[in-house]
Amino acid sequence: MTTVNYANPKTDASVKIFDQFYSYELSVPVDAYDAVYSYFRSVFGTAEAAGNFAVTLFRVAELSGTPVLTLLQEIRGHTGPDLTLTLAYYINATRSNSTLLGLNVATQPNYYVAHNIRI
């Protein structure tokens, strides 16, 4: 027997997002979730990465008190290292100071080890 997915017009148009790792649960408007998820889906290669960053952006928006679409506007248009730096800044706002993310600091190899490597 087949079933049809039918959206009940009497229910609220929201999406419930849930992150098992932190037991984080939040109800968000479906249009806001679609906008955030589709942006990250266009930027990242996998649906899993897009979903993880979408949940993280909603968490940052809730903790900072900033609307999620405002945050999305701030990161939209950034590419490569700029996007990484901006996302790290926002994600670090929700983390403990002992677990902050790095900000693209280039590591310098040991001179003597690098000198002895043959190509």
Protein backbone atom coordinates (compact mmCIF):
# COMPACT_ATOMS: atom_id res chain seq x y z
CA MET A 1 0.00 0.00 0.00
CA THR A 2 1.38 3.40 -0.94
CA THR A 3 1.04 6.59 0.99
CA VAL A 4 1.05 10.19 -0.05
CA ASN A 5 2.96 12.82 1.86
CA TYR A 6 0.36 15.46 2.45
CA ALA A 7 1.17 18.71 4.24
CA ASN A 8 -1.57 19.50 6.72
CA PRO A 9 -2.54 23.17 6.21
CA LYS A 10 -3.72 23.38 9.83
CA THR A 11 -0.23 22.85 11.24
CA ASP A 12 2.50 25.44 11.60
CA ALA A 13 4.88 25.66 8.66
CA SER A 14 8.04 24.96 10.62
CA VAL A 15 10.87 22.48 10.55
CA LYS A 16 12.17 20.80 13.65
CA ILE A 17 15.95 20.46 13.53
CA PHE A 18 17.75 18.14 15.89
CA ASP A 19 21.44 17.59 16.49
CA GLN A 20 22.07 14.36 18.40
CA PHE A 21 25.61 15.23 19.44
CA TYR A 22 24.59 18.13 21.66
CA SER A 23 20.94 17.08 22.17
CA TYR A 24 19.99 20.36 20.55
CA GLU A 25 16.41 20.80 19.39
CA LEU A 26 14.77 23.88 17.90
CA SER A 27 11.67 24.62 15.83
CA VAL A 28 12.34 27.02 12.98
CA PRO A 29 10.27 28.41 10.09
CA VAL A 30 10.45 26.17 7.06
CA ASP A 31 11.28 29.00 4.66
CA ALA A 32 14.23 30.14 6.79
CA TYR A 33 15.56 26.58 7.03
CA ASP A 34 15.20 26.08 3.28
CA ALA A 35 17.06 29.33 2.57
CA VAL A 36 19.95 28.48 4.91
CA TYR A 37 20.20 24.82 3.88
CA SER A 38 20.06 25.58 0.15
CA TYR A 39 22.81 28.19 0.50
CA PHE A 40 25.10 25.78 2.32
CA ARG A 41 24.17 23.02 -0.15
CA SER A 42 25.37 25.26 -3.00
CA VAL A 43 28.63 26.01 -1.17
CA PHE A 44 29.55 22.59 0.25
CA GLY A 45 29.80 19.30 -1.63
CA THR A 46 27.65 17.07 0.56
CA ALA A 47 24.18 17.23 2.02
CA GLU A 48 25.57 16.21 5.43
CA ALA A 49 27.97 19.16 5.57
CA ALA A 50 25.22 21.54 4.45
CA GLY A 51 22.87 20.19 7.13
CA ASN A 52 25.51 20.47 9.86
CA PHE A 53 26.33 24.07 8.97
CA ALA A 54 22.62 24.95 8.69
CA VAL A 55 22.00 23.64 12.22
CA THR A 56 25.07 25.49 13.47
CA LEU A 57 23.93 28.77 11.93
CA PHE A 58 20.52 28.41 13.60
CA ARG A 59 22.25 27.73 16.90
CA VAL A 60 24.45 30.82 16.50
CA ALA A 61 21.38 32.90 15.63
CA GLU A 62 19.54 31.70 18.71
CA LEU A 63 22.46 32.29 21.09
CA SER A 64 23.32 35.71 19.66
CA GLY A 65 19.73 36.89 19.32
CA THR A 66 20.35 37.79 15.69
CA PRO A 67 17.84 36.66 13.04
CA VAL A 68 19.24 33.75 11.03
CA LEU A 69 18.51 35.44 7.71
CA THR A 70 20.58 38.44 8.83
CA LEU A 71 23.50 36.10 9.55
CA LEU A 72 22.97 34.43 6.19
CA GLN A 73 23.13 37.80 4.43
CA GLU A 74 26.42 38.55 6.19
CA ILE A 75 28.09 35.33 5.02
CA ARG A 76 26.53 35.22 1.55
CA GLY A 77 28.99 36.14 -1.17
CA HIS A 78 32.10 35.10 0.77
CA THR A 79 34.20 32.39 -0.84
CA GLY A 80 37.14 30.25 0.19
CA PRO A 81 39.20 31.56 3.10
CA ASP A 82 36.83 34.50 3.68
CA LEU A 83 33.91 32.13 4.21
CA THR A 84 35.98 29.92 6.50
CA LEU A 85 37.07 32.90 8.57
CA THR A 86 33.53 34.27 8.87
CA LEU A 87 32.03 30.88 9.80
CA ALA A 88 34.78 30.25 12.36
CA TYR A 89 34.07 33.65 13.93
CA TYR A 90 30.36 32.87 14.34
CA ILE A 91 30.87 29.27 15.43
CA ASN A 92 33.48 30.30 18.02
CA ALA A 93 30.81 32.52 19.60
CA THR A 94 28.98 29.33 20.67
CA ARG A 95 31.96 27.30 21.84
CA SER A 96 34.02 27.07 24.99
CA ASN A 97 37.26 29.07 24.95
CA SER A 98 39.18 25.80 25.28
CA THR A 99 37.76 24.46 21.98
CA LEU A 100 37.93 27.42 19.62
CA LEU A 101 38.41 26.83 15.90
CA GLY A 102 41.53 28.04 14.11
CA LEU A 103 41.45 30.95 11.71
CA ASN A 104 43.62 29.82 8.79
CA VAL A 105 46.97 30.37 10.45
CA ALA A 106 49.65 28.99 8.18
CA THR A 107 52.07 26.63 9.94
CA GLN A 108 55.77 27.10 9.41
CA PRO A 109 57.70 23.86 8.86
CA ASN A 110 60.88 23.25 10.78
CA TYR A 111 63.70 24.67 8.65
CA TYR A 112 66.06 21.73 9.16
CA VAL A 113 63.44 19.09 8.43
CA ALA A 114 62.19 20.94 5.35
CA HIS A 115 65.80 21.36 4.15
CA ASN A 116 66.40 17.58 4.20
CA ILE A 117 63.34 16.59 2.15
CA ARG A 118 64.12 15.54 -1.41
CA ILE A 119 61.55 16.04 -4.13
